[in-house]
Full PDB file with SEQRES, HELIX, SHEET, SSBOND, CRYST1, ORIGX, SCALE, CONECT and MASTER records, all heavy atoms in Angstrom:
SEQRES   1 A   33  LYS ALA ARG ARG ALA ALA GLY TRP GLN GLY ARG LEU LEU          
SEQRES   2 A   33  VAL HIS THR HIS ALA GLY GLU GLY PHE ALA THR TYR TYR          
SEQRES   3 A   33  SER ARG THR PRO PRO ALA GLN                                  
HELIX    1 AA1 ALA A    2  ALA A    5  1                                   4    
CRYST1    1.000    1.000    1.000  90.00  90.00  90.00 P 1           1          
ORIGX1      1.000000  0.000000  0.000000        0.00000                         
ORIGX2      0.000000  1.000000  0.000000        0.00000                         
ORIGX3      0.000000  0.000000  1.000000        0.00000                         
SCALE1      1.000000  0.000000  0.000000        0.00000                         
SCALE2      0.000000  1.000000  0.000000        0.00000                         
SCALE3      0.000000  0.000000  1.000000        0.00000                         
ATOM      1  N   LYS A   1      37.747 128.461  23.295  1.00  0.00           N  
ATOM      2  CA  LYS A   1      38.183 128.946  21.983  1.00  0.00           C  
ATOM      3  C   LYS A   1      37.182 128.554  20.900  1.00  0.00           C  
ATOM      4  O   LYS A   1      36.877 129.365  20.009  1.00  0.00           O  
ATOM      5  CB  LYS A   1      39.568 128.387  21.652  1.00  0.00           C  
ATOM      6  CG  LYS A   1      40.686 129.002  22.464  1.00  0.00           C  
ATOM      7  CD  LYS A   1      42.049 128.777  21.835  1.00  0.00           C  
ATOM      8  CE  LYS A   1      42.384 127.308  21.751  1.00  0.00           C  
ATOM      9  NZ  LYS A   1      43.749 127.097  21.204  1.00  0.00           N  
ATOM     10  N   ALA A   2      36.658 127.324  20.961  1.00  0.00           N  
ATOM     11  CA  ALA A   2      35.685 126.880  19.962  1.00  0.00           C  
ATOM     12  C   ALA A   2      34.386 127.677  20.069  1.00  0.00           C  
ATOM     13  O   ALA A   2      33.776 128.030  19.053  1.00  0.00           O  
ATOM     14  CB  ALA A   2      35.412 125.385  20.141  1.00  0.00           C  
ATOM     15  N   ARG A   3      33.972 127.988  21.279  1.00  0.00           N  
ATOM     16  CA  ARG A   3      32.770 128.814  21.464  1.00  0.00           C  
ATOM     17  C   ARG A   3      32.991 130.220  20.894  1.00  0.00           C  
ATOM     18  O   ARG A   3      32.108 130.787  20.253  1.00  0.00           O  
ATOM     19  CB  ARG A   3      32.426 128.919  22.953  1.00  0.00           C  
ATOM     20  CG  ARG A   3      31.748 127.690  23.544  1.00  0.00           C  
ATOM     21  CD  ARG A   3      31.368 127.981  24.979  1.00  0.00           C  
ATOM     22  NE  ARG A   3      30.561 126.931  25.579  1.00  0.00           N  
ATOM     23  CZ  ARG A   3      29.625 127.150  26.498  1.00  0.00           C  
ATOM     24  NH1 ARG A   3      29.379 128.390  26.912  1.00  0.00           N  
ATOM     25  NH2 ARG A   3      28.935 126.154  27.011  1.00  0.00           N  
ATOM     26  N   ARG A   4      34.161 130.776  21.152  1.00  0.00           N  
ATOM     27  CA  ARG A   4      34.454 132.112  20.655  1.00  0.00           C  
ATOM     28  C   ARG A   4      34.428 132.112  19.122  1.00  0.00           C  
ATOM     29  O   ARG A   4      33.902 133.049  18.495  1.00  0.00           O  
ATOM     30  CB  ARG A   4      35.818 132.564  21.182  1.00  0.00           C  
ATOM     31  CG  ARG A   4      36.122 134.031  20.976  1.00  0.00           C  
ATOM     32  CD  ARG A   4      35.170 134.944  21.739  1.00  0.00           C  
ATOM     33  NE  ARG A   4      35.175 134.764  23.171  1.00  0.00           N  
ATOM     34  CZ  ARG A   4      36.043 135.321  24.021  1.00  0.00           C  
ATOM     35  NH1 ARG A   4      36.992 136.101  23.553  1.00  0.00           N  
ATOM     36  NH2 ARG A   4      35.940 135.107  25.319  1.00  0.00           N  
ATOM     37  N   ALA A   5      34.973 131.064  18.526  1.00  0.00           N  
ATOM     38  CA  ALA A   5      34.970 130.949  17.071  1.00  0.00           C  
ATOM     39  C   ALA A   5      33.550 130.829  16.520  1.00  0.00           C  
ATOM     40  O   ALA A   5      33.274 131.238  15.386  1.00  0.00           O  
ATOM     41  CB  ALA A   5      35.802 129.751  16.630  1.00  0.00           C  
ATOM     42  N   ALA A   6      32.652 130.282  17.343  1.00  0.00           N  
ATOM     43  CA  ALA A   6      31.256 130.130  16.920  1.00  0.00           C  
ATOM     44  C   ALA A   6      30.437 131.390  17.170  1.00  0.00           C  
ATOM     45  O   ALA A   6      29.225 131.409  16.868  1.00  0.00           O  
ATOM     46  CB  ALA A   6      30.621 128.942  17.648  1.00  0.00           C  
ATOM     47  N   GLY A   7      31.071 132.425  17.734  1.00  0.00           N  
ATOM     48  CA  GLY A   7      30.378 133.697  17.921  1.00  0.00           C  
ATOM     49  C   GLY A   7      29.943 134.006  19.338  1.00  0.00           C  
ATOM     50  O   GLY A   7      29.423 135.089  19.608  1.00  0.00           O  
ATOM     51  N   TRP A   8      30.154 133.067  20.270  1.00  0.00           N  
ATOM     52  CA  TRP A   8      29.779 133.324  21.664  1.00  0.00           C  
ATOM     53  C   TRP A   8      30.885 134.135  22.327  1.00  0.00           C  
ATOM     54  O   TRP A   8      32.054 133.777  22.262  1.00  0.00           O  
ATOM     55  CB  TRP A   8      29.576 131.994  22.396  1.00  0.00           C  
ATOM     56  CG  TRP A   8      28.950 132.118  23.752  1.00  0.00           C  
ATOM     57  CD1 TRP A   8      27.655 132.433  24.037  1.00  0.00           C  
ATOM     58  CD2 TRP A   8      29.590 131.896  25.016  1.00  0.00           C  
ATOM     59  NE1 TRP A   8      27.434 132.420  25.398  1.00  0.00           N  
ATOM     60  CE2 TRP A   8      28.611 132.103  26.031  1.00  0.00           C  
ATOM     61  CE3 TRP A   8      30.881 131.550  25.401  1.00  0.00           C  
ATOM     62  CZ2 TRP A   8      28.887 131.957  27.389  1.00  0.00           C  
ATOM     63  CZ3 TRP A   8      31.166 131.411  26.751  1.00  0.00           C  
ATOM     64  CH2 TRP A   8      30.175 131.617  27.732  1.00  0.00           C  
ATOM     65  N   GLN A   9      30.562 135.226  22.999  1.00  0.00           N  
ATOM     66  CA  GLN A   9      31.564 136.164  23.506  1.00  0.00           C  
ATOM     67  C   GLN A   9      31.926 135.987  24.972  1.00  0.00           C  
ATOM     68  O   GLN A   9      32.813 136.681  25.487  1.00  0.00           O  
ATOM     69  CB  GLN A   9      31.075 137.606  23.288  1.00  0.00           C  
ATOM     70  CG  GLN A   9      30.922 137.972  21.821  1.00  0.00           C  
ATOM     71  CD  GLN A   9      32.223 137.774  21.052  1.00  0.00           C  
ATOM     72  OE1 GLN A   9      33.271 138.273  21.453  1.00  0.00           O  
ATOM     73  NE2 GLN A   9      32.153 137.033  19.956  1.00  0.00           N  
ATOM     74  N   GLY A  10      31.265 135.087  25.667  1.00  0.00           N  
ATOM     75  CA  GLY A  10      31.486 134.962  27.100  1.00  0.00           C  
ATOM     76  C   GLY A  10      32.756 134.210  27.464  1.00  0.00           C  
ATOM     77  O   GLY A  10      33.453 133.656  26.615  1.00  0.00           O  
ATOM     78  N   ARG A  11      33.066 134.210  28.758  1.00  0.00           N  
ATOM     79  CA  ARG A  11      34.172 133.418  29.306  1.00  0.00           C  
ATOM     80  C   ARG A  11      33.594 132.187  30.001  1.00  0.00           C  
ATOM     81  O   ARG A  11      32.461 132.200  30.475  1.00  0.00           O  
ATOM     82  CB  ARG A  11      34.981 134.239  30.313  1.00  0.00           C  
ATOM     83  CG  ARG A  11      35.773 135.392  29.714  1.00  0.00           C  
ATOM     84  CD  ARG A  11      36.433 136.184  30.832  1.00  0.00           C  
ATOM     85  NE  ARG A  11      37.341 137.204  30.346  1.00  0.00           N  
ATOM     86  CZ  ARG A  11      36.984 138.436  30.004  1.00  0.00           C  
ATOM     87  NH1 ARG A  11      35.701 138.803  30.084  1.00  0.00           N  
ATOM     88  NH2 ARG A  11      37.875 139.308  29.589  1.00  0.00           N  
ATOM     89  N   LEU A  12      34.396 131.133  30.098  1.00  0.00           N  
ATOM     90  CA  LEU A  12      34.005 129.931  30.830  1.00  0.00           C  
ATOM     91  C   LEU A  12      34.643 129.951  32.219  1.00  0.00           C  
ATOM     92  O   LEU A  12      35.785 130.385  32.384  1.00  0.00           O  
ATOM     93  CB  LEU A  12      34.438 128.673  30.069  1.00  0.00           C  
ATOM     94  CG  LEU A  12      33.650 128.368  28.794  1.00  0.00           C  
ATOM     95  CD1 LEU A  12      34.201 127.125  28.104  1.00  0.00           C  
ATOM     96  CD2 LEU A  12      32.165 128.191  29.086  1.00  0.00           C  
ATOM     97  N   LEU A  13      33.887 129.481  33.201  1.00  0.00           N  
ATOM     98  CA  LEU A  13      34.334 129.470  34.595  1.00  0.00           C  
ATOM     99  C   LEU A  13      34.874 128.094  34.959  1.00  0.00           C  
ATOM    100  O   LEU A  13      34.254 127.076  34.664  1.00  0.00           O  
ATOM    101  CB  LEU A  13      33.158 129.823  35.513  1.00  0.00           C  
ATOM    102  CG  LEU A  13      33.423 129.755  37.017  1.00  0.00           C  
ATOM    103  CD1 LEU A  13      34.438 130.805  37.440  1.00  0.00           C  
ATOM    104  CD2 LEU A  13      32.114 129.937  37.789  1.00  0.00           C  
ATOM    105  N   VAL A  14      36.025 128.089  35.620  1.00  0.00           N  
ATOM    106  CA  VAL A  14      36.568 126.868  36.221  1.00  0.00           C  
ATOM    107  C   VAL A  14      36.496 127.047  37.733  1.00  0.00           C  
ATOM    108  O   VAL A  14      37.243 127.830  38.314  1.00  0.00           O  
ATOM    109  CB  VAL A  14      38.020 126.611  35.781  1.00  0.00           C  
ATOM    110  CG1 VAL A  14      38.579 125.390  36.516  1.00  0.00           C  
ATOM    111  CG2 VAL A  14      38.082 126.384  34.278  1.00  0.00           C  
ATOM    112  N   HIS A  15      35.566 126.360  38.333  1.00  0.00           N  
ATOM    113  CA  HIS A  15      35.325 126.458  39.777  1.00  0.00           C  
ATOM    114  C   HIS A  15      35.806 125.163  40.414  1.00  0.00           C  
ATOM    115  O   HIS A  15      35.374 124.078  40.019  1.00  0.00           O  
ATOM    116  CB  HIS A  15      33.830 126.668  40.029  1.00  0.00           C  
ATOM    117  CG  HIS A  15      33.470 126.827  41.470  1.00  0.00           C  
ATOM    118  ND1 HIS A  15      33.013 125.796  42.244  1.00  0.00           N  
ATOM    119  CD2 HIS A  15      33.482 127.915  42.282  1.00  0.00           C  
ATOM    120  CE1 HIS A  15      32.752 126.227  43.457  1.00  0.00           C  
ATOM    121  NE2 HIS A  15      33.038 127.514  43.506  1.00  0.00           N  
ATOM    122  N   THR A  16      36.709 125.271  41.385  1.00  0.00           N  
ATOM    123  CA  THR A  16      37.303 124.084  41.987  1.00  0.00           C  
ATOM    124  C   THR A  16      37.211 124.172  43.502  1.00  0.00           C  
ATOM    125  O   THR A  16      37.672 125.153  44.097  1.00  0.00           O  
ATOM    126  CB  THR A  16      38.786 123.942  41.577  1.00  0.00           C  
ATOM    127  OG1 THR A  16      38.915 124.151  40.166  1.00  0.00           O  
ATOM    128  CG2 THR A  16      39.300 122.559  41.933  1.00  0.00           C  
ATOM    129  N   HIS A  17      36.634 123.160  44.128  1.00  0.00           N  
ATOM    130  CA  HIS A  17      36.545 123.139  45.589  1.00  0.00           C  
ATOM    131  C   HIS A  17      37.908 122.799  46.181  1.00  0.00           C  
ATOM    132  O   HIS A  17      38.520 121.795  45.813  1.00  0.00           O  
ATOM    133  CB  HIS A  17      35.524 122.090  46.038  1.00  0.00           C  
ATOM    134  CG  HIS A  17      34.112 122.522  45.855  1.00  0.00           C  
ATOM    135  ND1 HIS A  17      33.127 122.300  46.788  1.00  0.00           N  
ATOM    136  CD2 HIS A  17      33.504 123.183  44.845  1.00  0.00           C  
ATOM    137  CE1 HIS A  17      31.977 122.793  46.366  1.00  0.00           C  
ATOM    138  NE2 HIS A  17      32.181 123.330  45.181  1.00  0.00           N  
ATOM    139  N   ALA A  18      38.363 123.628  47.097  1.00  0.00           N  
ATOM    140  CA  ALA A  18      39.655 123.393  47.747  1.00  0.00           C  
ATOM    141  C   ALA A  18      39.701 124.151  49.052  1.00  0.00           C  
ATOM    142  O   ALA A  18      39.146 125.236  49.184  1.00  0.00           O  
ATOM    143  CB  ALA A  18      40.803 123.840  46.850  1.00  0.00           C  
ATOM    144  N   GLY A  19      40.397 123.582  50.030  1.00  0.00           N  
ATOM    145  CA  GLY A  19      40.626 124.283  51.283  1.00  0.00           C  
ATOM    146  C   GLY A  19      39.442 124.303  52.222  1.00  0.00           C  
ATOM    147  O   GLY A  19      39.441 125.042  53.205  1.00  0.00           O  
ATOM    148  N   GLU A  20      38.438 123.470  51.940  1.00  0.00           N  
ATOM    149  CA  GLU A  20      37.275 123.453  52.821  1.00  0.00           C  
ATOM    150  C   GLU A  20      37.531 122.626  54.062  1.00  0.00           C  
ATOM    151  O   GLU A  20      37.077 122.943  55.150  1.00  0.00           O  
ATOM    152  CB  GLU A  20      36.063 122.899  52.062  1.00  0.00           C  
ATOM    153  CG  GLU A  20      34.776 122.892  52.875  1.00  0.00           C  
ATOM    154  CD  GLU A  20      33.595 122.403  52.059  1.00  0.00           C  
ATOM    155  OE1 GLU A  20      33.807 121.841  50.973  1.00  0.00           O  
ATOM    156  OE2 GLU A  20      32.461 122.575  52.514  1.00  0.00           O  
ATOM    157  N   GLY A  21      38.254 121.543  53.883  1.00  0.00           N  
ATOM    158  CA  GLY A  21      38.496 120.649  55.007  1.00  0.00           C  
ATOM    159  C   GLY A  21      37.360 119.668  55.180  1.00  0.00           C  
ATOM    160  O   GLY A  21      36.316 119.748  54.535  1.00  0.00           O  
ATOM    161  N   PHE A  22      37.578 118.725  56.057  1.00  0.00           N  
ATOM    162  CA  PHE A  22      36.608 117.646  56.269  1.00  0.00           C  
ATOM    163  C   PHE A  22      36.767 117.154  57.694  1.00  0.00           C  
ATOM    164  O   PHE A  22      37.844 116.708  58.075  1.00  0.00           O  
ATOM    165  CB  PHE A  22      36.870 116.512  55.277  1.00  0.00           C  
ATOM    166  CG  PHE A  22      35.889 115.377  55.329  1.00  0.00           C  
ATOM    167  CD1 PHE A  22      34.815 115.350  54.464  1.00  0.00           C  
ATOM    168  CD2 PHE A  22      36.048 114.336  56.222  1.00  0.00           C  
ATOM    169  CE1 PHE A  22      33.909 114.305  54.484  1.00  0.00           C  
ATOM    170  CE2 PHE A  22      35.144 113.285  56.255  1.00  0.00           C  
ATOM    171  CZ  PHE A  22      34.079 113.272  55.378  1.00  0.00           C  
ATOM    172  N   ALA A  23      35.708 117.259  58.478  1.00  0.00           N  
ATOM    173  CA  ALA A  23      35.757 116.789  59.858  1.00  0.00           C  
ATOM    174  C   ALA A  23      35.075 115.430  59.949  1.00  0.00           C  
ATOM    175  O   ALA A  23      33.911 115.291  59.611  1.00  0.00           O  
ATOM    176  CB  ALA A  23      35.064 117.778  60.788  1.00  0.00           C  
ATOM    177  N   THR A  24      35.816 114.424  60.354  1.00  0.00           N  
ATOM    178  CA  THR A  24      35.278 113.071  60.472  1.00  0.00           C  
ATOM    179  C   THR A  24      35.357 112.630  61.922  1.00  0.00           C  
ATOM    180  O   THR A  24      36.378 112.822  62.580  1.00  0.00           O  
ATOM    181  CB  THR A  24      36.085 112.091  59.596  1.00  0.00           C  
ATOM    182  OG1 THR A  24      36.134 112.585  58.273  1.00  0.00           O  
ATOM    183  CG2 THR A  24      35.434 110.725  59.591  1.00  0.00           C  
ATOM    184  N   TYR A  25      34.284 112.025  62.394  1.00  0.00           N  
ATOM    185  CA  TYR A  25      34.243 111.558  63.774  1.00  0.00           C  
ATOM    186  C   TYR A  25      34.456 110.052  63.823  1.00  0.00           C  
ATOM    187  O   TYR A  25      33.829 109.301  63.087  1.00  0.00           O  
ATOM    188  CB  TYR A  25      32.899 111.914  64.420  1.00  0.00           C  
ATOM    189  CG  TYR A  25      32.751 113.384  64.699  1.00  0.00           C  
ATOM    190  CD1 TYR A  25      32.212 114.239  63.746  1.00  0.00           C  
ATOM    191  CD2 TYR A  25      33.188 113.925  65.901  1.00  0.00           C  
ATOM    192  CE1 TYR A  25      32.099 115.599  63.988  1.00  0.00           C  
ATOM    193  CE2 TYR A  25      33.084 115.279  66.156  1.00  0.00           C  
ATOM    194  CZ  TYR A  25      32.538 116.108  65.194  1.00  0.00           C  
ATOM    195  OH  TYR A  25      32.437 117.447  65.436  1.00  0.00           O  
ATOM    196  N   TYR A  26      35.354 109.637  64.684  1.00  0.00           N  
ATOM    197  CA  TYR A  26      35.620 108.228  64.892  1.00  0.00           C  
ATOM    198  C   TYR A  26      35.448 107.902  66.374  1.00  0.00           C  
ATOM    199  O   TYR A  26      35.750 108.725  67.228  1.00  0.00           O  
ATOM    200  CB  TYR A  26      37.050 107.870  64.474  1.00  0.00           C  
ATOM    201  CG  TYR A  26      37.334 108.102  63.018  1.00  0.00           C  
ATOM    202  CD1 TYR A  26      37.861 109.299  62.568  1.00  0.00           C  
ATOM    203  CD2 TYR A  26      37.049 107.104  62.087  1.00  0.00           C  
ATOM    204  CE1 TYR A  26      38.111 109.512  61.227  1.00  0.00           C  
ATOM    205  CE2 TYR A  26      37.293 107.310  60.746  1.00  0.00           C  
ATOM    206  CZ  TYR A  26      37.826 108.508  60.318  1.00  0.00           C  
ATOM    207  OH  TYR A  26      38.064 108.725  58.991  1.00  0.00           O  
ATOM    208  N   SER A  27      35.007 106.686  66.663  1.00  0.00           N  
ATOM    209  CA  SER A  27      34.850 106.285  68.060  1.00  0.00           C  
ATOM    210  C   SER A  27      36.157 105.683  68.566  1.00  0.00           C  
ATOM    211  O   SER A  27      36.272 104.481  68.801  1.00  0.00           O  
ATOM    212  CB  SER A  27      33.705 105.274  68.196  1.00  0.00           C  
ATOM    213  OG  SER A  27      32.476 105.882  67.920  1.00  0.00           O  
ATOM    214  N   ARG A  28      37.150 106.539  68.707  1.00  0.00           N  
ATOM    215  CA  ARG A  28      38.400 106.057  69.295  1.00  0.00           C  
ATOM    216  C   ARG A  28      38.198 105.692  70.758  1.00  0.00           C  
ATOM    217  O   ARG A  28      38.839 104.795  71.289  1.00  0.00           O  
ATOM    218  CB  ARG A  28      39.461 107.144  69.192  1.00  0.00           C  
ATOM    219  CG  ARG A  28      39.992 107.363  67.785  1.00  0.00           C  
ATOM    220  CD  ARG A  28      41.014 108.492  67.802  1.00  0.00           C  
ATOM    221  NE  ARG A  28      41.670 108.626  66.516  1.00  0.00           N  
ATOM    222  CZ  ARG A  28      42.546 109.583  66.230  1.00  0.00           C  
ATOM    223  NH1 ARG A  28      42.842 110.483  67.150  1.00  0.00           N  
ATOM    224  NH2 ARG A  28      43.103 109.654  65.051  1.00  0.00           N  
ATOM    225  N   THR A  29      37.299 106.441  71.413  1.00  0.00           N  
ATOM    226  CA  THR A  29      36.974 106.145  72.809  1.00  0.00           C  
ATOM    227  C   THR A  29      35.467 105.957  72.896  1.00  0.00           C  
ATOM    228  O   THR A  29      34.737 106.892  73.226  1.00  0.00           O  
ATOM    229  CB  THR A  29      37.419 107.299  73.725  1.00  0.00           C  
ATOM    230  OG1 THR A  29      36.860 108.533  73.222  1.00  0.00           O  
ATOM    231  CG2 THR A  29      38.924 107.416  73.730  1.00  0.00           C  
ATOM    232  N   PRO A  30      34.965 104.772  72.544  1.00  0.00           N  
ATOM    233  CA  PRO A  30      33.514 104.553  72.502  1.00  0.00           C  
ATOM    234  C   PRO A  30      32.879 104.843  73.858  1.00  0.00           C  
ATOM    235  O   PRO A  30      33.439 104.496  74.910  1.00  0.00           O  
ATOM    236  CB  PRO A  30      33.394 103.063  72.154  1.00  0.00           C  
ATOM    237  CG  PRO A  30      34.707 102.708  71.539  1.00  0.00           C  
ATOM    238  CD  PRO A  30      35.720 103.571  72.220  1.00  0.00           C  
ATOM    239  N   PRO A  31      31.718 105.487  73.855  1.00  0.00           N  
ATOM    240  CA  PRO A  31      31.023 105.741  75.123  1.00  0.00           C  
ATOM    241  C   PRO A  31      30.528 104.440  75.740  1.00  0.00           C  
ATOM    242  O   PRO A  31      30.248 103.469  75.039  1.00  0.00           O  
ATOM    243  CB  PRO A  31      29.846 106.636  74.694  1.00  0.00           C  
ATOM    244  CG  PRO A  31      29.638 106.328  73.253  1.00  0.00           C  
ATOM    245  CD  PRO A  31      30.981 106.010  72.691  1.00  0.00           C  
ATOM    246  N   ALA A  32      30.446 104.463  77.060  1.00  0.00           N  
ATOM    247  CA  ALA A  32      30.024 103.261  77.773  1.00  0.00           C  
ATOM    248  C   ALA A  32      28.572 102.926  77.449  1.00  0.00           C  
ATOM    249  O   ALA A  32      27.740 103.811  77.268  1.00  0.00           O  
ATOM    250  CB  ALA A  32      30.201 103.466  79.277  1.00  0.00           C  
ATOM    251  N   GLN A  33      28.280 101.657  77.374  1.00  0.00           N  
ATOM    252  CA  GLN A  33      26.897 101.209  77.190  1.00  0.00           C  
ATOM    253  C   GLN A  33      26.279 100.937  78.559  1.00  0.00           C  
ATOM    254  O   GLN A  33      26.981 100.698  79.534  1.00  0.00           O  
ATOM    255  CB  GLN A  33      26.884  99.958  76.316  1.00  0.00           C  
ATOM    256  CG  GLN A  33      27.361 100.247  74.897  1.00  0.00           C  
ATOM    257  CD  GLN A  33      27.061  99.096  73.959  1.00  0.00           C  
ATOM    258  OE1 GLN A  33      26.125  98.333  74.168  1.00  0.00           O  
ATOM    259  NE2 GLN A  33      27.859  98.977  72.913  1.00  0.00           N  
TER     260      GLN A  33                                                      
MASTER        0    0    0    1    0    0    0    6  259    1    0    3          
END                                                                             
């Protein structure tokens, strides 16, 4: 709103990361040495 009042005509983007997921590896069963 303040930008529009200053004469700028564009819109502002709200980009939010969501739903990507995250794969994490844990050594629940460590490989033999």
